[in-house]
Amino acid sequence: MNRVALSARIAEASALRYTPAGIPALDLRLEHESEVLEAGQRRQVKATVRAIALGPVADSIVRQPVGSPWTFQGFLATPRNGRHPVLHIQTFEPASI
């Protein structure tokens, strides 16, 4: 199974672009901060995640302000010309982080 749920802030959003098939696409950089319990110890977690949104989701996210908090859900995939996984956002909703 490949499902990801991440609470994060929009740190950066590119200009809305269109794929060769005419589908809206938006590249994002998300920043996550939280505290988790690992091996019985509290740990501060910070992560920067590359993400992409396509179609109606891209049209909606592009209207959201940089810095706003959301819970993103989607899946991970490595681009054909890349080495690091990218979060493909399928849904998002307001989050208080």
N, C-alpha and C. Protein backbone atom coordinates (compact mmCIF):
# COMPACT_ATOMS: atom_id res chain seq x y z
N MET A 1 0.85 -1.18 0.00
CA MET A 1 0.00 0.00 0.00
C MET A 1 0.89 1.24 0.00
N ASN A 2 0.51 2.25 -0.72
CA ASN A 2 1.25 3.49 -0.84
C ASN A 2 0.29 4.64 -0.56
N ARG A 3 0.14 4.98 0.72
CA ARG A 3 -0.74 6.09 1.14
C ARG A 3 0.01 6.94 2.13
N VAL A 4 -0.07 8.24 1.96
CA VAL A 4 0.61 9.18 2.83
C VAL A 4 -0.39 10.22 3.31
N ALA A 5 -0.36 10.53 4.59
CA ALA A 5 -1.10 11.66 5.16
C ALA A 5 -0.07 12.50 5.89
N LEU A 6 -0.02 13.80 5.58
CA LEU A 6 1.00 14.67 6.14
C LEU A 6 0.41 16.03 6.46
N SER A 7 0.58 16.47 7.70
CA SER A 7 0.22 17.83 8.07
C SER A 7 1.43 18.70 7.80
N ALA A 8 1.24 19.74 7.01
CA ALA A 8 2.37 20.58 6.63
C ALA A 8 1.88 21.95 6.19
N ARG A 9 2.81 22.87 6.13
CA ARG A 9 2.54 24.21 5.61
C ARG A 9 3.06 24.29 4.18
N ILE A 10 2.38 25.06 3.36
CA ILE A 10 2.88 25.31 2.01
C ILE A 10 4.05 26.29 2.15
N ALA A 11 5.25 25.82 1.85
CA ALA A 11 6.43 26.67 1.98
C ALA A 11 6.70 27.42 0.67
N GLU A 12 6.38 26.77 -0.42
CA GLU A 12 6.64 27.37 -1.74
C GLU A 12 5.72 26.71 -2.76
N ALA A 13 5.22 27.49 -3.68
CA ALA A 13 4.38 26.96 -4.77
C ALA A 13 4.84 27.62 -6.06
N SER A 14 5.02 26.81 -7.09
CA SER A 14 5.40 27.34 -8.40
C SER A 14 4.17 27.95 -9.07
N ALA A 15 4.38 28.55 -10.20
CA ALA A 15 3.25 29.03 -11.00
C ALA A 15 2.51 27.81 -11.56
N LEU A 16 1.21 27.91 -11.67
CA LEU A 16 0.42 26.82 -12.24
C LEU A 16 0.87 26.60 -13.68
N ARG A 17 1.11 25.36 -14.03
CA ARG A 17 1.51 25.01 -15.39
C ARG A 17 0.55 23.94 -15.90
N TYR A 18 0.72 23.57 -17.16
CA TYR A 18 -0.15 22.56 -17.76
C TYR A 18 0.71 21.47 -18.39
N THR A 19 0.30 20.22 -18.21
CA THR A 19 1.00 19.09 -18.82
C THR A 19 0.74 19.13 -20.33
N PRO A 20 1.49 18.34 -21.11
CA PRO A 20 1.21 18.28 -22.55
C PRO A 20 -0.23 17.86 -22.87
N ALA A 21 -0.86 17.14 -21.94
CA ALA A 21 -2.25 16.72 -22.13
C ALA A 21 -3.24 17.81 -21.69
N GLY A 22 -2.72 18.96 -21.22
CA GLY A 22 -3.59 20.07 -20.83
C GLY A 22 -4.09 20.01 -19.40
N ILE A 23 -3.50 19.15 -18.58
CA ILE A 23 -3.92 19.01 -17.18
C ILE A 23 -3.16 20.01 -16.32
N PRO A 24 -3.86 20.77 -15.46
CA PRO A 24 -3.17 21.70 -14.57
C PRO A 24 -2.22 20.94 -13.63
N ALA A 25 -1.04 21.51 -13.40
CA ALA A 25 -0.04 20.90 -12.52
C ALA A 25 0.59 21.98 -11.67
N LEU A 26 0.84 21.65 -10.41
CA LEU A 26 1.42 22.60 -9.47
C LEU A 26 2.50 21.90 -8.66
N ASP A 27 3.72 22.43 -8.72
CA ASP A 27 4.83 21.90 -7.92
C ASP A 27 4.90 22.68 -6.62
N LEU A 28 5.10 21.95 -5.51
CA LEU A 28 5.09 22.55 -4.18
C LEU A 28 6.27 22.08 -3.36
N ARG A 29 6.60 22.87 -2.36
CA ARG A 29 7.51 22.44 -1.31
C ARG A 29 6.73 22.60 -0.01
N LEU A 30 6.61 21.51 0.75
CA LEU A 30 5.86 21.49 2.00
C LEU A 30 6.83 21.37 3.17
N GLU A 31 6.51 22.02 4.29
CA GLU A 31 7.33 21.91 5.50
C GLU A 31 6.48 21.37 6.64
N HIS A 32 7.01 20.32 7.25
CA HIS A 32 6.32 19.63 8.34
C HIS A 32 7.15 19.77 9.62
N GLU A 33 6.46 19.99 10.76
CA GLU A 33 7.08 19.98 12.08
C GLU A 33 6.14 19.28 13.03
N SER A 34 6.70 18.37 13.84
CA SER A 34 5.89 17.69 14.84
C SER A 34 6.79 17.08 15.91
N GLU A 35 6.15 16.50 16.89
CA GLU A 35 6.86 15.75 17.92
C GLU A 35 6.28 14.34 17.92
N VAL A 36 7.16 13.35 17.88
CA VAL A 36 6.71 11.96 17.86
C VAL A 36 7.42 11.19 18.97
N LEU A 37 6.88 10.05 19.29
CA LEU A 37 7.49 9.15 20.25
C LEU A 37 8.20 8.06 19.47
N GLU A 38 9.52 7.93 19.67
CA GLU A 38 10.30 6.92 18.95
C GLU A 38 11.20 6.23 19.96
N ALA A 39 11.10 4.91 20.05
CA ALA A 39 11.88 4.10 20.99
C ALA A 39 11.74 4.63 22.42
N GLY A 40 10.52 5.06 22.76
CA GLY A 40 10.24 5.54 24.10
C GLY A 40 10.71 6.95 24.38
N GLN A 41 11.25 7.63 23.39
CA GLN A 41 11.77 8.98 23.57
C GLN A 41 11.01 9.97 22.69
N ARG A 42 10.80 11.17 23.20
CA ARG A 42 10.18 12.22 22.39
C ARG A 42 11.22 12.74 21.41
N ARG A 43 10.77 12.96 20.18
CA ARG A 43 11.67 13.43 19.13
C ARG A 43 10.99 14.55 18.35
N GLN A 44 11.71 15.64 18.15
CA GLN A 44 11.24 16.72 17.30
C GLN A 44 11.53 16.33 15.85
N VAL A 45 10.52 16.43 15.01
CA VAL A 45 10.67 16.05 13.61
C VAL A 45 10.42 17.27 12.73
N LYS A 46 11.34 17.50 11.81
CA LYS A 46 11.17 18.53 10.79
C LYS A 46 11.47 17.87 9.45
N ALA A 47 10.65 18.16 8.47
CA ALA A 47 10.87 17.58 7.15
C ALA A 47 10.40 18.55 6.08
N THR A 48 11.16 18.62 5.01
CA THR A 48 10.75 19.36 3.82
C THR A 48 10.45 18.32 2.75
N VAL A 49 9.29 18.44 2.12
CA VAL A 49 8.82 17.43 1.17
C VAL A 49 8.46 18.11 -0.15
N ARG A 50 8.98 17.55 -1.24
CA ARG A 50 8.54 18.00 -2.56
C ARG A 50 7.21 17.35 -2.86
N ALA A 51 6.31 18.11 -3.48
CA ALA A 51 4.98 17.57 -3.78
C ALA A 51 4.51 18.11 -5.12
N ILE A 52 3.52 17.42 -5.67
CA ILE A 52 2.88 17.86 -6.91
C ILE A 52 1.38 17.62 -6.78
N ALA A 53 0.62 18.53 -7.34
CA ALA A 53 -0.83 18.38 -7.41
C ALA A 53 -1.23 18.51 -8.88
N LEU A 54 -2.19 17.70 -9.29
CA LEU A 54 -2.66 17.70 -10.68
C LEU A 54 -4.17 17.92 -10.74
N GLY A 55 -4.64 18.44 -11.86
CA GLY A 55 -6.07 18.58 -12.10
C GLY A 55 -6.74 19.55 -11.16
N PRO A 56 -7.98 19.23 -10.74
CA PRO A 56 -8.75 20.13 -9.87
C PRO A 56 -8.05 20.41 -8.54
N VAL A 57 -7.27 19.45 -8.04
CA VAL A 57 -6.54 19.67 -6.79
C VAL A 57 -5.52 20.79 -6.98
N ALA A 58 -4.82 20.80 -8.10
CA ALA A 58 -3.86 21.87 -8.40
C ALA A 58 -4.57 23.21 -8.50
N ASP A 59 -5.73 23.23 -9.16
CA ASP A 59 -6.50 24.47 -9.27
C ASP A 59 -6.91 25.02 -7.91
N SER A 60 -7.18 24.14 -6.95
CA SER A 60 -7.58 24.57 -5.61
C SER A 60 -6.39 25.00 -4.76
N ILE A 61 -5.31 24.22 -4.79
CA ILE A 61 -4.16 24.55 -3.95
C ILE A 61 -3.50 25.85 -4.39
N VAL A 62 -3.47 26.13 -5.68
CA VAL A 62 -2.79 27.33 -6.16
C VAL A 62 -3.40 28.61 -5.57
N ARG A 63 -4.65 28.54 -5.12
CA ARG A 63 -5.32 29.70 -4.54
C ARG A 63 -5.04 29.86 -3.04
N GLN A 64 -4.32 28.90 -2.44
CA GLN A 64 -4.06 28.95 -1.00
C GLN A 64 -2.77 29.73 -0.73
N PRO A 65 -2.74 30.49 0.36
CA PRO A 65 -1.55 31.29 0.64
C PRO A 65 -0.36 30.45 1.11
N VAL A 66 0.81 30.90 0.72
CA VAL A 66 2.04 30.29 1.23
C VAL A 66 2.03 30.47 2.74
N GLY A 67 2.42 29.42 3.46
CA GLY A 67 2.43 29.45 4.92
C GLY A 67 1.20 28.86 5.56
N SER A 68 0.16 28.60 4.75
CA SER A 68 -1.07 28.07 5.33
C SER A 68 -0.93 26.58 5.64
N PRO A 69 -1.53 26.13 6.78
CA PRO A 69 -1.43 24.73 7.20
C PRO A 69 -2.54 23.86 6.62
N TRP A 70 -2.16 22.65 6.17
CA TRP A 70 -3.09 21.71 5.55
C TRP A 70 -2.71 20.29 5.93
N THR A 71 -3.66 19.40 5.81
CA THR A 71 -3.37 17.97 5.85
C THR A 71 -3.51 17.47 4.42
N PHE A 72 -2.40 16.96 3.90
CA PHE A 72 -2.35 16.47 2.52
C PHE A 72 -2.41 14.96 2.54
N GLN A 73 -3.13 14.39 1.59
CA GLN A 73 -3.18 12.93 1.44
C GLN A 73 -2.87 12.59 0.00
N GLY A 74 -2.11 11.52 -0.17
CA GLY A 74 -1.74 11.10 -1.52
C GLY A 74 -0.84 9.89 -1.49
N PHE A 75 0.09 9.84 -2.45
CA PHE A 75 1.00 8.70 -2.55
C PHE A 75 2.38 9.21 -2.97
N LEU A 76 3.40 8.37 -2.77
CA LEU A 76 4.76 8.71 -3.14
C LEU A 76 5.14 8.05 -4.47
N ALA A 77 5.86 8.80 -5.29
CA ALA A 77 6.38 8.26 -6.55
C ALA A 77 7.68 8.99 -6.87
N THR A 78 8.60 8.29 -7.49
CA THR A 78 9.85 8.89 -7.92
C THR A 78 9.72 9.29 -9.38
N PRO A 79 10.00 10.56 -9.70
CA PRO A 79 9.91 10.98 -11.10
C PRO A 79 10.89 10.21 -11.98
N ARG A 80 10.58 10.10 -13.25
CA ARG A 80 11.44 9.37 -14.19
C ARG A 80 12.86 9.91 -14.20
N ASN A 81 13.01 11.22 -14.08
CA ASN A 81 14.34 11.81 -14.14
C ASN A 81 14.86 12.22 -12.76
N GLY A 82 14.29 11.67 -11.70
CA GLY A 82 14.68 12.06 -10.35
C GLY A 82 15.15 10.90 -9.51
N ARG A 83 15.63 11.24 -8.33
CA ARG A 83 16.11 10.22 -7.40
C ARG A 83 15.33 10.20 -6.10
N HIS A 84 14.58 11.26 -5.82
CA HIS A 84 13.89 11.36 -4.55
C HIS A 84 12.38 11.30 -4.77
N PRO A 85 11.67 10.61 -3.86
CA PRO A 85 10.22 10.51 -4.01
C PRO A 85 9.54 11.88 -3.88
N VAL A 86 8.42 12.01 -4.54
CA VAL A 86 7.60 13.21 -4.53
C VAL A 86 6.21 12.81 -4.06
N LEU A 87 5.62 13.62 -3.17
CA LEU A 87 4.26 13.37 -2.72
C LEU A 87 3.29 13.84 -3.80
N HIS A 88 2.48 12.95 -4.31
CA HIS A 88 1.44 13.29 -5.28
C HIS A 88 0.16 13.51 -4.47
N ILE A 89 -0.26 14.76 -4.38
CA ILE A 89 -1.40 15.13 -3.54
C ILE A 89 -2.71 14.78 -4.26
N GLN A 90 -3.54 14.00 -3.57
CA GLN A 90 -4.85 13.64 -4.12
C GLN A 90 -5.97 14.41 -3.44
N THR A 91 -5.82 14.70 -2.15
CA THR A 91 -6.81 15.50 -1.42
C THR A 91 -6.06 16.34 -0.39
N PHE A 92 -6.72 17.42 0.05
CA PHE A 92 -6.16 18.22 1.14
C PHE A 92 -7.30 18.90 1.86
N GLU A 93 -7.07 19.19 3.14
CA GLU A 93 -8.07 19.84 3.96
C GLU A 93 -7.36 20.70 5.00
N PRO A 94 -8.04 21.70 5.55
CA PRO A 94 -7.41 22.56 6.55
C PRO A 94 -6.90 21.76 7.74
N ALA A 95 -5.77 22.19 8.28
CA ALA A 95 -5.19 21.53 9.45
C ALA A 95 -4.75 22.59 10.44
N SER A 96 -4.76 22.25 11.69
CA SER A 96 -4.20 23.15 12.70
C SER A 96 -2.93 22.49 13.21
N ILE A 97 -1.80 23.01 12.73
CA ILE A 97 -0.51 22.43 13.13
C ILE A 97 0.33 23.44 13.86
